[in-house]
Amino acid sequence: MISEKHGSLKISVLENPFYRFVISVSPAFLAVFILYLLGPDVYLPVLGVFLAFFFAVGAGWIVSPALGLASGMHPIWVIILLVFISSESSLIISSNYDILEKIPILGYPFKKVRKRAGNLIENRDLARKVSYVSIFWLMFLPVYGSGPLVMTLVGRLLDLDWIKVWSVVSFSAFTRFTIITTLIYYGYTL
């Protein structure tokens, strides 16, 4: 970790909200730039999968892999794309949650719930572990309201570590989309 010392104050790059935001969105900008360079034959199917993932309300978890496979993408690339979308959106929300708490009207309830949940599970190691397992399973089960954004917010509202929440959501997305894409690819219906 890059850091500077100013007297007794230690400032880290990841503690600065601006740098943390720039670092969290940079993989998305890099991916968009690479897709643009690859041309419309590549970025149009990816754009369709992205739009289906976020805007097919209640069914994006099944429509987006089906759309990716129907547009001719290899199943491995569909899985990688969907895990990247889930992981990147979770990274942006989890690492920048403190910015969300600074929004004037919306931030106060978020901060209040996070402090209460943090006090409840602070001394209970089992409760903290169950929280991570619950986030994994709720993200893994493809039901309405269990996407990466919601599960990341739930994890951060429970005052869990942002890196662990991001990794649990990413691993759950990998498991979820590997199974769904494989089932669709081999012709099974859910």
Protein backbone atom coordinates (compact mmCIF):
# COMPACT_ATOMS: atom_id res chain seq x y z
CA MET A 1 0.00 0.00 0.00
CA ILE A 2 1.33 3.42 -0.95
CA SER A 3 1.42 5.81 1.97
CA GLU A 4 3.03 9.01 3.15
CA LYS A 5 3.79 10.13 6.69
CA HIS A 6 2.94 13.63 7.80
CA GLY A 7 4.11 13.80 11.41
CA SER A 8 2.01 11.24 13.25
CA LEU A 9 -0.74 11.25 10.59
CA LYS A 10 -0.56 8.40 8.11
CA ILE A 11 -2.52 8.98 4.90
CA SER A 12 -3.17 6.00 2.68
CA VAL A 13 -4.31 6.05 -0.93
CA LEU A 14 -7.29 3.80 -0.15
CA GLU A 15 -8.40 6.07 2.69
CA ASN A 16 -8.87 9.02 0.34
CA PRO A 17 -12.43 8.79 -1.09
CA PHE A 18 -11.47 10.37 -4.43
CA TYR A 19 -8.60 7.94 -5.11
CA ARG A 20 -10.66 4.99 -3.92
CA PHE A 21 -13.48 5.96 -6.30
CA VAL A 22 -11.08 6.38 -9.23
CA ILE A 23 -9.43 3.04 -8.48
CA SER A 24 -12.81 1.27 -8.21
CA VAL A 25 -14.18 2.55 -11.54
CA SER A 26 -10.96 2.24 -13.53
CA PRO A 27 -11.47 -1.48 -14.45
CA ALA A 28 -14.85 -0.58 -15.98
CA PHE A 29 -13.37 2.26 -18.04
CA LEU A 30 -10.52 0.00 -19.16
CA ALA A 31 -13.00 -2.71 -20.20
CA VAL A 32 -15.11 -0.20 -22.17
CA PHE A 33 -12.00 1.11 -23.93
CA ILE A 34 -10.81 -2.40 -24.87
CA LEU A 35 -14.29 -3.39 -26.09
CA TYR A 36 -14.46 -0.23 -28.19
CA LEU A 37 -11.12 -1.08 -29.79
CA LEU A 38 -12.35 -4.60 -30.60
CA GLY A 39 -15.18 -3.19 -32.68
CA PRO A 40 -18.96 -3.44 -32.93
CA ASP A 41 -18.92 -7.19 -33.54
CA VAL A 42 -17.68 -7.56 -29.96
CA TYR A 43 -19.11 -4.62 -28.04
CA LEU A 44 -22.71 -4.82 -29.31
CA PRO A 45 -23.37 -8.32 -27.85
CA VAL A 46 -21.58 -7.26 -24.65
CA LEU A 47 -23.74 -4.14 -24.48
CA GLY A 48 -26.86 -6.29 -24.90
CA VAL A 49 -25.78 -8.57 -22.05
CA PHE A 50 -24.99 -5.56 -19.86
CA LEU A 51 -28.36 -3.93 -20.52
CA ALA A 52 -30.22 -7.20 -19.92
CA PHE A 53 -28.31 -7.73 -16.67
CA PHE A 54 -29.38 -4.41 -15.19
CA PHE A 55 -32.69 -3.62 -16.91
CA ALA A 56 -34.48 -6.98 -17.26
CA VAL A 57 -36.19 -6.47 -13.91
CA GLY A 58 -36.57 -9.70 -12.00
CA ALA A 59 -35.09 -11.84 -14.75
CA GLY A 60 -31.70 -10.28 -15.60
CA TRP A 61 -29.88 -13.22 -14.00
CA ILE A 62 -31.36 -15.60 -16.62
CA VAL A 63 -31.92 -13.28 -19.60
CA SER A 64 -28.36 -11.95 -19.74
CA PRO A 65 -26.61 -15.36 -20.09
CA ALA A 66 -29.26 -16.50 -22.57
CA LEU A 67 -28.81 -13.32 -24.61
CA GLY A 68 -25.04 -13.69 -24.55
CA LEU A 69 -25.21 -17.28 -25.77
CA ALA A 70 -27.85 -16.40 -28.40
CA SER A 71 -25.63 -13.64 -29.77
CA GLY A 72 -22.84 -16.15 -30.41
CA MET A 73 -20.60 -15.55 -27.41
CA HIS A 74 -18.66 -18.51 -26.06
CA PRO A 75 -20.02 -19.70 -22.67
CA ILE A 76 -16.70 -19.00 -20.94
CA TRP A 77 -16.78 -15.38 -22.14
CA VAL A 78 -20.41 -15.05 -21.02
CA ILE A 79 -19.43 -16.24 -17.53
CA ILE A 80 -16.40 -13.94 -17.41
CA LEU A 81 -18.49 -10.97 -18.56
CA LEU A 82 -21.29 -11.55 -16.05
CA VAL A 83 -18.87 -12.10 -13.17
CA PHE A 84 -16.99 -8.95 -14.18
CA ILE A 85 -20.21 -6.90 -14.25
CA SER A 86 -21.26 -8.26 -10.84
CA SER A 87 -17.83 -7.89 -9.31
CA GLU A 88 -17.23 -4.39 -10.65
CA SER A 89 -20.62 -3.07 -9.52
CA SER A 90 -20.04 -4.64 -6.09
CA LEU A 91 -16.56 -3.12 -5.90
CA ILE A 92 -17.85 0.36 -6.67
CA ILE A 93 -20.63 0.16 -4.07
CA SER A 94 -18.65 -1.58 -1.32
CA SER A 95 -15.51 0.55 -1.53
CA ASN A 96 -17.42 3.83 -1.76
CA TYR A 97 -20.12 3.14 0.80
CA ASP A 98 -18.88 5.93 3.07
CA ILE A 99 -19.67 8.42 0.28
CA LEU A 100 -23.24 7.10 0.26
CA GLU A 101 -23.52 7.80 3.98
CA LYS A 102 -22.57 11.45 3.37
CA ILE A 103 -25.64 12.15 1.20
CA PRO A 104 -27.67 14.64 3.27
CA ILE A 105 -31.11 13.00 3.67
CA LEU A 106 -30.39 9.43 2.56
CA GLY A 107 -27.12 8.99 4.43
CA TYR A 108 -28.39 9.35 7.99
CA PRO A 109 -30.61 6.22 7.99
CA PHE A 110 -27.83 4.19 6.33
CA LYS A 111 -25.34 5.31 8.97
CA LYS A 112 -27.79 4.59 11.79
CA VAL A 113 -28.57 1.04 10.55
CA ARG A 114 -24.88 0.31 9.99
CA LYS A 115 -23.95 1.38 13.52
CA ARG A 116 -26.74 -0.66 15.09
CA ALA A 117 -25.86 -3.77 13.08
CA GLY A 118 -22.18 -3.26 13.83
CA ASN A 119 -22.89 -3.09 17.55
CA LEU A 120 -25.02 -6.23 17.39
CA ILE A 121 -22.46 -8.43 15.65
CA GLU A 122 -19.29 -6.75 16.94
CA ASN A 123 -18.49 -9.28 19.65
CA ARG A 124 -20.20 -12.24 18.02
CA ASP A 125 -17.76 -13.96 15.69
CA LEU A 126 -20.34 -16.55 14.66
CA ALA A 127 -22.83 -13.83 13.66
CA ARG A 128 -20.20 -12.21 11.44
CA LYS A 129 -19.40 -15.54 9.73
CA VAL A 130 -23.10 -16.32 9.28
CA SER A 131 -23.50 -12.89 7.69
CA TYR A 132 -20.92 -13.69 5.01
CA VAL A 133 -22.46 -17.11 4.35
CA SER A 134 -25.92 -15.54 4.14
CA ILE A 135 -24.72 -12.96 1.64
CA PHE A 136 -23.20 -15.75 -0.46
CA TRP A 137 -26.37 -17.85 -0.48
CA LEU A 138 -28.75 -14.96 -1.05
CA MET A 139 -26.59 -13.79 -3.95
CA PHE A 140 -26.27 -17.34 -5.26
CA LEU A 141 -30.02 -17.99 -5.35
CA PRO A 142 -31.37 -16.31 -8.48
CA VAL A 143 -34.40 -14.54 -7.06
CA TYR A 144 -35.63 -10.98 -7.43
CA GLY A 145 -33.69 -8.56 -5.24
CA SER A 146 -30.64 -10.74 -4.71
CA GLY A 147 -28.26 -9.15 -7.17
CA PRO A 148 -24.76 -7.83 -6.52
CA LEU A 149 -25.86 -4.27 -5.72
CA VAL A 150 -28.41 -5.31 -3.11
CA MET A 151 -26.19 -7.93 -1.48
CA THR A 152 -23.29 -5.47 -1.33
CA LEU A 153 -25.51 -2.89 0.35
CA VAL A 154 -26.75 -5.54 2.80
CA GLY A 155 -23.17 -6.51 3.64
CA ARG A 156 -22.10 -2.92 4.15
CA LEU A 157 -25.24 -2.17 6.19
CA LEU A 158 -24.22 -5.06 8.45
CA ASP A 159 -20.91 -3.20 8.94
CA LEU A 160 -18.87 -5.97 7.34
CA ASP A 161 -15.43 -5.37 5.80
CA TRP A 162 -15.80 -4.01 2.27
CA ILE A 163 -13.09 -6.22 0.78
CA LYS A 164 -14.68 -9.36 2.21
CA VAL A 165 -18.16 -8.32 1.06
CA TRP A 166 -16.81 -7.67 -2.44
CA SER A 167 -15.01 -11.02 -2.56
CA VAL A 168 -18.05 -12.95 -1.28
CA VAL A 169 -20.34 -11.31 -3.83
CA SER A 170 -17.81 -11.95 -6.63
CA PHE A 171 -17.39 -15.62 -5.69
CA SER A 172 -21.15 -16.07 -5.43
CA ALA A 173 -21.62 -14.43 -8.85
CA PHE A 174 -19.02 -16.78 -10.30
CA THR A 175 -20.85 -19.80 -8.88
CA ARG A 176 -24.27 -18.51 -9.90
CA PHE A 177 -23.43 -17.63 -13.48
CA THR A 178 -21.30 -20.71 -14.09
CA ILE A 179 -24.23 -22.95 -13.22
CA ILE A 180 -26.86 -20.90 -15.08
CA THR A 181 -24.77 -20.45 -18.23
CA THR A 182 -23.81 -24.13 -18.29
CA LEU A 183 -27.43 -25.21 -17.94
CA ILE A 184 -28.57 -22.87 -20.70
CA TYR A 185 -25.70 -23.85 -22.96
CA TYR A 186 -26.45 -27.54 -22.69
CA GLY A 187 -30.15 -26.95 -23.33
CA TYR A 188 -31.74 -27.41 -19.95
CA THR A 189 -34.50 -25.11 -18.82
CA LEU A 190 -34.72 -23.66 -15.37
